[in-house]
Amino acid sequence: NVGLKVIERLSPYHREHRERSHTTRQVTRWIEQSGGRVIRRRFAGFVPMFSPAPLAQVMKAVEPVVERTPFLRTFGCAVYVLVARRDGQRPR
């Protein structure tokens, strides 16, 4: 999420605790380098925490569209959930 990247750079708390988010590409690369394979992906969380109620209501209304649209979800969603497995393992 672009907003999270800005917060990571500007927030003293985030800088002090070295909190960082990672791109979906980087997470996938780490999984593949360790012998895994991503078998399912989901994006969620277009509405930022602590958004004013009127803004949150509008964003929540368009959230499903953002979560389904590749370009929008990559830059707009704050949560990336994936299921991965190593070859030979069955997903649970």
PDB file of N, CA and C in Angstrom:
ATOM      1  N   ASN A   1       0.841  -1.167   0.000  1.00  0.00           N
ATOM      2  CA  ASN A   1       0.000   0.000   0.000  1.00  0.00           C
ATOM      3  C   ASN A   1       0.886   1.230   0.000  1.00  0.00           C
ATOM      4  N   VAL A   2       0.609   2.132  -0.899  1.00  0.00           N
ATOM      5  CA  VAL A   2       1.413   3.345  -1.019  1.00  0.00           C
ATOM      6  C   VAL A   2       1.390   4.142   0.282  1.00  0.00           C
ATOM      7  N   GLY A   3       0.229   4.229   0.903  1.00  0.00           N
ATOM      8  CA  GLY A   3       0.124   4.957   2.173  1.00  0.00           C
ATOM      9  C   GLY A   3       1.013   4.364   3.258  1.00  0.00           C
ATOM     10  N   LEU A   4       1.099   3.048   3.315  1.00  0.00           N
ATOM     11  CA  LEU A   4       1.968   2.414   4.314  1.00  0.00           C
ATOM     12  C   LEU A   4       3.435   2.750   4.065  1.00  0.00           C
ATOM     13  N   LYS A   5       3.826   2.806   2.813  1.00  0.00           N
ATOM     14  CA  LYS A   5       5.212   3.149   2.483  1.00  0.00           C
ATOM     15  C   LYS A   5       5.549   4.555   2.956  1.00  0.00           C
ATOM     16  N   VAL A   6       4.607   5.483   2.790  1.00  0.00           N
ATOM     17  CA  VAL A   6       4.825   6.853   3.259  1.00  0.00           C
ATOM     18  C   VAL A   6       4.959   6.870   4.779  1.00  0.00           C
ATOM     19  N   ILE A   7       4.063   6.166   5.467  1.00  0.00           N
ATOM     20  CA  ILE A   7       4.118   6.108   6.928  1.00  0.00           C
ATOM     21  C   ILE A   7       5.439   5.512   7.400  1.00  0.00           C
ATOM     22  N   GLU A   8       5.907   4.457   6.761  1.00  0.00           N
ATOM     23  CA  GLU A   8       7.176   3.833   7.152  1.00  0.00           C
ATOM     24  C   GLU A   8       8.338   4.821   7.079  1.00  0.00           C
ATOM     25  N   ARG A   9       8.289   5.717   6.120  1.00  0.00           N
ATOM     26  CA  ARG A   9       9.374   6.684   5.926  1.00  0.00           C
ATOM     27  C   ARG A   9       9.271   7.886   6.871  1.00  0.00           C
ATOM     28  N   LEU A  10       8.039   8.306   7.181  1.00  0.00           N
ATOM     29  CA  LEU A  10       7.849   9.547   7.926  1.00  0.00           C
ATOM     30  C   LEU A  10       7.601   9.365   9.425  1.00  0.00           C
ATOM     31  N   SER A  11       7.044   8.247   9.810  1.00  0.00           N
ATOM     32  CA  SER A  11       6.683   8.033  11.211  1.00  0.00           C
ATOM     33  C   SER A  11       7.915   7.707  12.051  1.00  0.00           C
ATOM     34  N   PRO A  12       8.189   8.524  13.079  1.00  0.00           N
ATOM     35  CA  PRO A  12       9.324   8.210  13.961  1.00  0.00           C
ATOM     36  C   PRO A  12       9.197   6.817  14.591  1.00  0.00           C
ATOM     37  N   TYR A  13       7.966   6.453  14.979  1.00  0.00           N
ATOM     38  CA  TYR A  13       7.758   5.134  15.576  1.00  0.00           C
ATOM     39  C   TYR A  13       8.169   4.030  14.609  1.00  0.00           C
ATOM     40  N   HIS A  14       7.697   4.110  13.367  1.00  0.00           N
ATOM     41  CA  HIS A  14       8.004   3.068  12.384  1.00  0.00           C
ATOM     42  C   HIS A  14       9.497   3.031  12.067  1.00  0.00           C
ATOM     43  N   ARG A  15      10.117   4.193  11.986  1.00  0.00           N
ATOM     44  CA  ARG A  15      11.563   4.221  11.708  1.00  0.00           C
ATOM     45  C   ARG A  15      12.338   3.649  12.896  1.00  0.00           C
ATOM     46  N   GLU A  16      11.963   4.044  14.105  1.00  0.00           N
ATOM     47  CA  GLU A  16      12.657   3.569  15.306  1.00  0.00           C
ATOM     48  C   GLU A  16      12.556   2.046  15.450  1.00  0.00           C
ATOM     49  N   HIS A  17      11.405   1.482  15.130  1.00  0.00           N
ATOM     50  CA  HIS A  17      11.199   0.040  15.280  1.00  0.00           C
ATOM     51  C   HIS A  17      11.506  -0.735  13.995  1.00  0.00           C
ATOM     52  N   ARG A  18      11.965  -0.021  12.996  1.00  0.00           N
ATOM     53  CA  ARG A  18      12.339  -0.610  11.704  1.00  0.00           C
ATOM     54  C   ARG A  18      11.205  -1.457  11.114  1.00  0.00           C
ATOM     55  N   GLU A  19       9.984  -0.969  11.270  1.00  0.00           N
ATOM     56  CA  GLU A  19       8.837  -1.663  10.698  1.00  0.00           C
ATOM     57  C   GLU A  19       8.808  -1.402   9.207  1.00  0.00           C
ATOM     58  N   ARG A  20       8.648  -2.466   8.437  1.00  0.00           N
ATOM     59  CA  ARG A  20       8.648  -2.353   6.980  1.00  0.00           C
ATOM     60  C   ARG A  20       7.603  -3.281   6.386  1.00  0.00           C
ATOM     61  N   SER A  21       7.027  -2.830   5.315  1.00  0.00           N
ATOM     62  CA  SER A  21       6.147  -3.697   4.539  1.00  0.00           C
ATOM     63  C   SER A  21       6.954  -4.188   3.337  1.00  0.00           C
ATOM     64  N   HIS A  22       6.478  -5.232   2.706  1.00  0.00           N
ATOM     65  CA  HIS A  22       7.193  -5.819   1.573  1.00  0.00           C
ATOM     66  C   HIS A  22       6.221  -6.012   0.411  1.00  0.00           C
ATOM     67  N   THR A  23       6.742  -5.891  -0.780  1.00  0.00           N
ATOM     68  CA  THR A  23       5.900  -6.057  -1.963  1.00  0.00           C
ATOM     69  C   THR A  23       5.494  -7.523  -2.109  1.00  0.00           C
ATOM     70  N   THR A  24       4.405  -7.726  -2.817  1.00  0.00           N
ATOM     71  CA  THR A  24       3.965  -9.094  -3.078  1.00  0.00           C
ATOM     72  C   THR A  24       5.028  -9.842  -3.890  1.00  0.00           C
ATOM     73  N   ARG A  25       5.687  -9.130  -4.769  1.00  0.00           N
ATOM     74  CA  ARG A  25       6.751  -9.745  -5.578  1.00  0.00           C
ATOM     75  C   ARG A  25       7.893 -10.244  -4.692  1.00  0.00           C
ATOM     76  N   GLN A  26       8.292  -9.437  -3.704  1.00  0.00           N
ATOM     77  CA  GLN A  26       9.372  -9.836  -2.812  1.00  0.00           C
ATOM     78  C   GLN A  26       8.979 -11.033  -1.951  1.00  0.00           C
ATOM     79  N   VAL A  27       7.774 -11.026  -1.406  1.00  0.00           N
ATOM     80  CA  VAL A  27       7.318 -12.146  -0.574  1.00  0.00           C
ATOM     81  C   VAL A  27       7.273 -13.426  -1.404  1.00  0.00           C
ATOM     82  N   THR A  28       6.747 -13.335  -2.623  1.00  0.00           N
ATOM     83  CA  THR A  28       6.697 -14.499  -3.510  1.00  0.00           C
ATOM     84  C   THR A  28       8.104 -15.006  -3.811  1.00  0.00           C
ATOM     85  N   ARG A  29       9.026 -14.101  -4.064  1.00  0.00           N
ATOM     86  CA  ARG A  29      10.416 -14.485  -4.349  1.00  0.00           C
ATOM     87  C   ARG A  29      11.028 -15.240  -3.166  1.00  0.00           C
ATOM     88  N   TRP A  30      10.803 -14.745  -1.946  1.00  0.00           N
ATOM     89  CA  TRP A  30      11.339 -15.432  -0.763  1.00  0.00           C
ATOM     90  C   TRP A  30      10.775 -16.847  -0.648  1.00  0.00           C
ATOM     91  N   ILE A  31       9.488 -16.987  -0.898  1.00  0.00           N
ATOM     92  CA  ILE A  31       8.865 -18.311  -0.818  1.00  0.00           C
ATOM     93  C   ILE A  31       9.475 -19.246  -1.859  1.00  0.00           C
ATOM     94  N   GLU A  32       9.600 -18.759  -3.086  1.00  0.00           N
ATOM     95  CA  GLU A  32      10.162 -19.595  -4.151  1.00  0.00           C
ATOM     96  C   GLU A  32      11.627 -19.935  -3.886  1.00  0.00           C
ATOM     97  N   GLN A  33      12.389 -19.015  -3.337  1.00  0.00           N
ATOM     98  CA  GLN A  33      13.791 -19.280  -3.020  1.00  0.00           C
ATOM     99  C   GLN A  33      13.935 -20.339  -1.925  1.00  0.00           C
ATOM    100  N   SER A  34      12.916 -20.466  -1.086  1.00  0.00           N
ATOM    101  CA  SER A  34      12.977 -21.478  -0.030  1.00  0.00           C
ATOM    102  C   SER A  34      12.333 -22.796  -0.457  1.00  0.00           C
ATOM    103  N   GLY A  35      12.011 -22.907  -1.748  1.00  0.00           N
ATOM    104  CA  GLY A  35      11.459 -24.157  -2.254  1.00  0.00           C
ATOM    105  C   GLY A  35       9.952 -24.233  -2.261  1.00  0.00           C
ATOM    106  N   GLY A  36       9.288 -23.139  -2.009  1.00  0.00           N
ATOM    107  CA  GLY A  36       7.830 -23.129  -1.977  1.00  0.00           C
ATOM    108  C   GLY A  36       7.231 -22.600  -3.258  1.00  0.00           C
ATOM    109  N   ARG A  37       5.925 -22.678  -3.298  1.00  0.00           N
ATOM    110  CA  ARG A  37       5.170 -22.198  -4.462  1.00  0.00           C
ATOM    111  C   ARG A  37       3.863 -21.604  -3.953  1.00  0.00           C
ATOM    112  N   VAL A  38       3.568 -20.392  -4.371  1.00  0.00           N
ATOM    113  CA  VAL A  38       2.314 -19.741  -3.980  1.00  0.00           C
ATOM    114  C   VAL A  38       1.182 -20.383  -4.774  1.00  0.00           C
ATOM    115  N   ILE A  39       0.148 -20.839  -4.068  1.00  0.00           N
ATOM    116  CA  ILE A  39      -0.968 -21.480  -4.754  1.00  0.00           C
ATOM    117  C   ILE A  39      -2.265 -20.676  -4.660  1.00  0.00           C
ATOM    118  N   ARG A  40      -2.305 -19.681  -3.780  1.00  0.00           N
ATOM    119  CA  ARG A  40      -3.501 -18.844  -3.659  1.00  0.00           C
ATOM    120  C   ARG A  40      -3.107 -17.479  -3.094  1.00  0.00           C
ATOM    121  N   ARG A  41      -3.707 -16.409  -3.636  1.00  0.00           N
ATOM    122  CA  ARG A  41      -3.424 -15.048  -3.182  1.00  0.00           C
ATOM    123  C   ARG A  41      -4.730 -14.298  -2.968  1.00  0.00           C
ATOM    124  N   ARG A  42      -4.732 -13.422  -1.986  1.00  0.00           N
ATOM    125  CA  ARG A  42      -5.881 -12.538  -1.754  1.00  0.00           C
ATOM    126  C   ARG A  42      -5.349 -11.184  -1.271  1.00  0.00           C
ATOM    127  N   PHE A  43      -6.013 -10.145  -1.701  1.00  0.00           N
ATOM    128  CA  PHE A  43      -5.700  -8.794  -1.253  1.00  0.00           C
ATOM    129  C   PHE A  43      -6.887  -8.269  -0.476  1.00  0.00           C
ATOM    130  N   ALA A  44      -6.622  -7.468   0.544  1.00  0.00           N
ATOM    131  CA  ALA A  44      -7.703  -6.914   1.356  1.00  0.00           C
ATOM    132  C   ALA A  44      -7.240  -5.621   2.010  1.00  0.00           C
ATOM    133  N   GLY A  45      -8.193  -4.925   2.562  1.00  0.00           N
ATOM    134  CA  GLY A  45      -7.858  -3.778   3.383  1.00  0.00           C
ATOM    135  C   GLY A  45      -7.598  -2.487   2.639  1.00  0.00           C
ATOM    136  N   PHE A  46      -8.575  -1.989   1.914  1.00  0.00           N
ATOM    137  CA  PHE A  46      -8.420  -0.718   1.224  1.00  0.00           C
ATOM    138  C   PHE A  46      -8.641   0.462   2.171  1.00  0.00           C
ATOM    139  N   VAL A  47      -9.480   0.298   3.184  1.00  0.00           N
ATOM    140  CA  VAL A  47      -9.803   1.387   4.109  1.00  0.00           C
ATOM    141  C   VAL A  47      -8.700   1.498   5.167  1.00  0.00           C
ATOM    142  N   PRO A  48      -8.013   2.653   5.226  1.00  0.00           N
ATOM    143  CA  PRO A  48      -6.950   2.823   6.222  1.00  0.00           C
ATOM    144  C   PRO A  48      -7.505   2.866   7.648  1.00  0.00           C
ATOM    145  N   MET A  49      -6.698   2.409   8.584  1.00  0.00           N
ATOM    146  CA  MET A  49      -7.071   2.493  10.003  1.00  0.00           C
ATOM    147  C   MET A  49      -7.271   3.956  10.375  1.00  0.00           C
ATOM    148  N   PHE A  50      -8.192   4.209  11.228  1.00  0.00           N
ATOM    149  CA  PHE A  50      -8.459   5.537  11.775  1.00  0.00           C
ATOM    150  C   PHE A  50      -8.929   6.546  10.723  1.00  0.00           C
ATOM    151  N   SER A  51      -9.513   6.067   9.638  1.00  0.00           N
ATOM    152  CA  SER A  51     -10.084   6.978   8.640  1.00  0.00           C
ATOM    153  C   SER A  51     -11.333   7.645   9.215  1.00  0.00           C
ATOM    154  N   PRO A  52     -11.558   8.903   8.875  1.00  0.00           N
ATOM    155  CA  PRO A  52     -12.812   9.536   9.298  1.00  0.00           C
ATOM    156  C   PRO A  52     -13.995   8.741   8.737  1.00  0.00           C
ATOM    157  N   ALA A  53     -15.066   8.642   9.486  1.00  0.00           N
ATOM    158  CA  ALA A  53     -16.207   7.809   9.112  1.00  0.00           C
ATOM    159  C   ALA A  53     -16.734   8.084   7.703  1.00  0.00           C
ATOM    160  N   PRO A  54     -16.937   9.338   7.292  1.00  0.00           N
ATOM    161  CA  PRO A  54     -17.455   9.553   5.931  1.00  0.00           C
ATOM    162  C   PRO A  54     -16.524   9.002   4.851  1.00  0.00           C
ATOM    163  N   LEU A  55     -15.222   9.202   5.012  1.00  0.00           N
ATOM    164  CA  LEU A  55     -14.252   8.673   4.049  1.00  0.00           C
ATOM    165  C   LEU A  55     -14.240   7.143   4.074  1.00  0.00           C
ATOM    166  N   ALA A  56     -14.260   6.574   5.277  1.00  0.00           N
ATOM    167  CA  ALA A  56     -14.246   5.117   5.415  1.00  0.00           C
ATOM    168  C   ALA A  56     -15.466   4.479   4.753  1.00  0.00           C
ATOM    169  N   GLN A  57     -16.626   5.109   4.869  1.00  0.00           N
ATOM    170  CA  GLN A  57     -17.839   4.561   4.263  1.00  0.00           C
ATOM    171  C   GLN A  57     -17.738   4.533   2.739  1.00  0.00           C
ATOM    172  N   VAL A  58     -17.205   5.598   2.164  1.00  0.00           N
ATOM    173  CA  VAL A  58     -17.042   5.644   0.708  1.00  0.00           C
ATOM    174  C   VAL A  58     -16.019   4.608   0.263  1.00  0.00           C
ATOM    175  N   MET A  59     -14.891   4.554   0.960  1.00  0.00           N
ATOM    176  CA  MET A  59     -13.839   3.601   0.584  1.00  0.00           C
ATOM    177  C   MET A  59     -14.307   2.163   0.747  1.00  0.00           C
ATOM    178  N   LYS A  60     -15.084   1.900   1.797  1.00  0.00           N
ATOM    179  CA  LYS A  60     -15.602   0.546   2.020  1.00  0.00           C
ATOM    180  C   LYS A  60     -16.539   0.137   0.887  1.00  0.00           C
ATOM    181  N   ALA A  61     -17.273   1.093   0.351  1.00  0.00           N
ATOM    182  CA  ALA A  61     -18.193   0.790  -0.751  1.00  0.00           C
ATOM    183  C   ALA A  61     -17.437   0.364  -2.009  1.00  0.00           C
ATOM    184  N   VAL A  62     -16.274   0.934  -2.249  1.00  0.00           N
ATOM    185  CA  VAL A  62     -15.510   0.589  -3.454  1.00  0.00           C
ATOM    186  C   VAL A  62     -14.434  -0.473  -3.189  1.00  0.00           C
ATOM    187  N   GLU A  63     -14.273  -0.855  -1.938  1.00  0.00           N
ATOM    188  CA  GLU A  63     -13.250  -1.830  -1.570  1.00  0.00           C
ATOM    189  C   GLU A  63     -13.304  -3.128  -2.390  1.00  0.00           C
ATOM    190  N   PRO A  64     -14.476  -3.734  -2.619  1.00  0.00           N
ATOM    191  CA  PRO A  64     -14.505  -4.969  -3.412  1.00  0.00           C
ATOM    192  C   PRO A  64     -13.934  -4.793  -4.817  1.00  0.00           C
ATOM    193  N   VAL A  65     -14.191  -3.657  -5.421  1.00  0.00           N
ATOM    194  CA  VAL A  65     -13.662  -3.398  -6.766  1.00  0.00           C
ATOM    195  C   VAL A  65     -12.144  -3.263  -6.711  1.00  0.00           C
ATOM    196  N   VAL A  66     -11.641  -2.546  -5.725  1.00  0.00           N
ATOM    197  CA  VAL A  66     -10.192  -2.373  -5.575  1.00  0.00           C
ATOM    198  C   VAL A  66      -9.523  -3.725  -5.345  1.00  0.00           C
ATOM    199  N   GLU A  67     -10.117  -4.564  -4.495  1.00  0.00           N
ATOM    200  CA  GLU A  67      -9.528  -5.870  -4.185  1.00  0.00           C
ATOM    201  C   GLU A  67      -9.494  -6.800  -5.396  1.00  0.00           C
ATOM    202  N   ARG A  68     -10.400  -6.622  -6.344  1.00  0.00           N
ATOM    203  CA  ARG A  68     -10.449  -7.486  -7.530  1.00  0.00           C
ATOM    204  C   ARG A  68      -9.627  -6.961  -8.710  1.00  0.00           C
ATOM    205  N   THR A  69      -9.240  -5.711  -8.696  1.00  0.00           N
ATOM    206  CA  THR A  69      -8.581  -5.089  -9.842  1.00  0.00           C
ATOM    207  C   THR A  69      -7.065  -5.113  -9.647  1.00  0.00           C
ATOM    208  N   PRO A  70      -6.334  -5.853 -10.502  1.00  0.00           N
ATOM    209  CA  PRO A  70      -4.899  -6.052 -10.292  1.00  0.00           C
ATOM    210  C   PRO A  70      -4.088  -4.789  -9.983  1.00  0.00           C
ATOM    211  N   PHE A  71      -4.142  -3.777 -10.809  1.00  0.00           N
ATOM    212  CA  PHE A  71      -3.338  -2.584 -10.562  1.00  0.00           C
ATOM    213  C   PHE A  71      -3.759  -1.876  -9.277  1.00  0.00           C
ATOM    214  N   LEU A  72      -5.067  -1.710  -9.089  1.00  0.00           N
ATOM    215  CA  LEU A  72      -5.567  -1.012  -7.908  1.00  0.00           C
ATOM    216  C   LEU A  72      -5.237  -1.750  -6.620  1.00  0.00           C
ATOM    217  N   ARG A  73      -5.404  -3.062  -6.621  1.00  0.00           N
ATOM    218  CA  ARG A  73      -5.149  -3.810  -5.383  1.00  0.00           C
ATOM    219  C   ARG A  73      -3.675  -3.802  -5.007  1.00  0.00           C
ATOM    220  N   THR A  74      -2.803  -3.791  -6.000  1.00  0.00           N
ATOM    221  CA  THR A  74      -1.368  -3.779  -5.711  1.00  0.00           C
ATOM    222  C   THR A  74      -0.971  -2.521  -4.957  1.00  0.00           C
ATOM    223  N   PHE A  75      -1.540  -1.396  -5.328  1.00  0.00           N
ATOM    224  CA  PHE A  75      -1.161  -0.134  -4.709  1.00  0.00           C
ATOM    225  C   PHE A  75      -2.131   0.342  -3.635  1.00  0.00           C
ATOM    226  N   GLY A  76      -3.334  -0.231  -3.587  1.00  0.00           N
ATOM    227  CA  GLY A  76      -4.334   0.269  -2.670  1.00  0.00           C
ATOM    228  C   GLY A  76      -4.603  -0.581  -1.451  1.00  0.00           C
ATOM    229  N   CYS A  77      -4.363  -1.880  -1.537  1.00  0.00           N
ATOM    230  CA  CYS A  77      -4.670  -2.760  -0.402  1.00  0.00           C
ATOM    231  C   CYS A  77      -3.472  -2.874   0.536  1.00  0.00           C
ATOM    232  N   ALA A  78      -3.770  -2.941   1.816  1.00  0.00           N
ATOM    233  CA  ALA A  78      -2.723  -2.993   2.827  1.00  0.00           C
ATOM    234  C   ALA A  78      -2.384  -4.410   3.269  1.00  0.00           C
ATOM    235  N   VAL A  79      -3.209  -5.383   2.910  1.00  0.00           N
ATOM    236  CA  VAL A  79      -3.008  -6.749   3.371  1.00  0.00           C
ATOM    237  C   VAL A  79      -2.897  -7.686   2.174  1.00  0.00           C
ATOM    238  N   TYR A  80      -1.904  -8.544   2.228  1.00  0.00           N
ATOM    239  CA  TYR A  80      -1.672  -9.554   1.202  1.00  0.00           C
ATOM    240  C   TYR A  80      -1.648 -10.894   1.924  1.00  0.00           C
ATOM    241  N   VAL A  81      -2.596 -11.739   1.613  1.00  0.00           N
ATOM    242  CA  VAL A  81      -2.699 -13.055   2.242  1.00  0.00           C
ATOM    243  C   VAL A  81      -2.396 -14.093   1.180  1.00  0.00           C
ATOM    244  N   LEU A  82      -1.562 -15.047   1.514  1.00  0.00           N
ATOM    245  CA  LEU A  82      -1.254 -16.080   0.528  1.00  0.00           C
ATOM    246  C   LEU A  82      -1.179 -17.444   1.172  1.00  0.00           C
ATOM    247  N   VAL A  83      -1.372 -18.443   0.340  1.00  0.00           N
ATOM    248  CA  VAL A  83      -1.194 -19.833   0.745  1.00  0.00           C
ATOM    249  C   VAL A  83      -0.076 -20.364  -0.132  1.00  0.00           C
ATOM    250  N   ALA A  84       0.898 -20.972   0.498  1.00  0.00           N
ATOM    251  CA  ALA A  84       2.027 -21.523  -0.249  1.00  0.00           C
ATOM    252  C   ALA A  84       2.303 -22.922   0.269  1.00  0.00           C
ATOM    253  N   ARG A  85       2.974 -23.675  -0.558  1.00  0.00           N
ATOM    254  CA  ARG A  85       3.357 -25.013  -0.130  1.00  0.00           C
ATOM    255  C   ARG A  85       4.650 -25.394  -0.823  1.00  0.00           C
ATOM    256  N   ARG A  86       5.299 -26.363  -0.243  1.00  0.00           N
ATOM    257  CA  ARG A  86       6.482 -26.929  -0.880  1.00  0.00           C
ATOM    258  C   ARG A  86       6.017 -28.099  -1.720  1.00  0.00           C
ATOM    259  N   ASP A  87       6.697 -28.356  -2.803  1.00  0.00           N
ATOM    260  CA  ASP A  87       6.302 -29.468  -3.650  1.00  0.00           C
ATOM    261  C   ASP A  87       6.224 -30.744  -2.825  1.00  0.00           C
ATOM    262  N   GLY A  88       5.213 -31.524  -3.107  1.00  0.00           N
ATOM    263  CA  GLY A  88       5.011 -32.770  -2.385  1.00  0.00           C
ATOM    264  C   GLY A  88       4.111 -32.635  -1.168  1.00  0.00           C
ATOM    265  N   GLN A  89       3.775 -31.401  -0.770  1.00  0.00           N
ATOM    266  CA  GLN A  89       2.905 -31.197   0.366  1.00  0.00           C
ATOM    267  C   GLN A  89       1.509 -30.843  -0.114  1.00  0.00           C
ATOM    268  N   ARG A  90       0.530 -31.352   0.583  1.00  0.00           N
ATOM    269  CA  ARG A  90      -0.853 -31.006   0.282  1.00  0.00           C
ATOM    270  C   ARG A  90      -1.243 -29.761   1.064  1.00  0.00           C
ATOM    271  N   PRO A  91      -2.013 -28.856   0.468  1.00  0.00           N
ATOM    272  CA  PRO A  91      -2.471 -27.673   1.230  1.00  0.00           C
ATOM    273  C   PRO A  91      -3.431 -28.097   2.316  1.00  0.00           C
ATOM    274  N   ARG A  92      -3.441 -27.382   3.423  1.00  0.00           N
ATOM    275  CA  ARG A  92      -4.332 -27.694   4.546  1.00  0.00           C
ATOM    276  C   ARG A  92      -5.507 -26.791   4.548  1.00  0.00           C
TER     277      ARG A  92
END
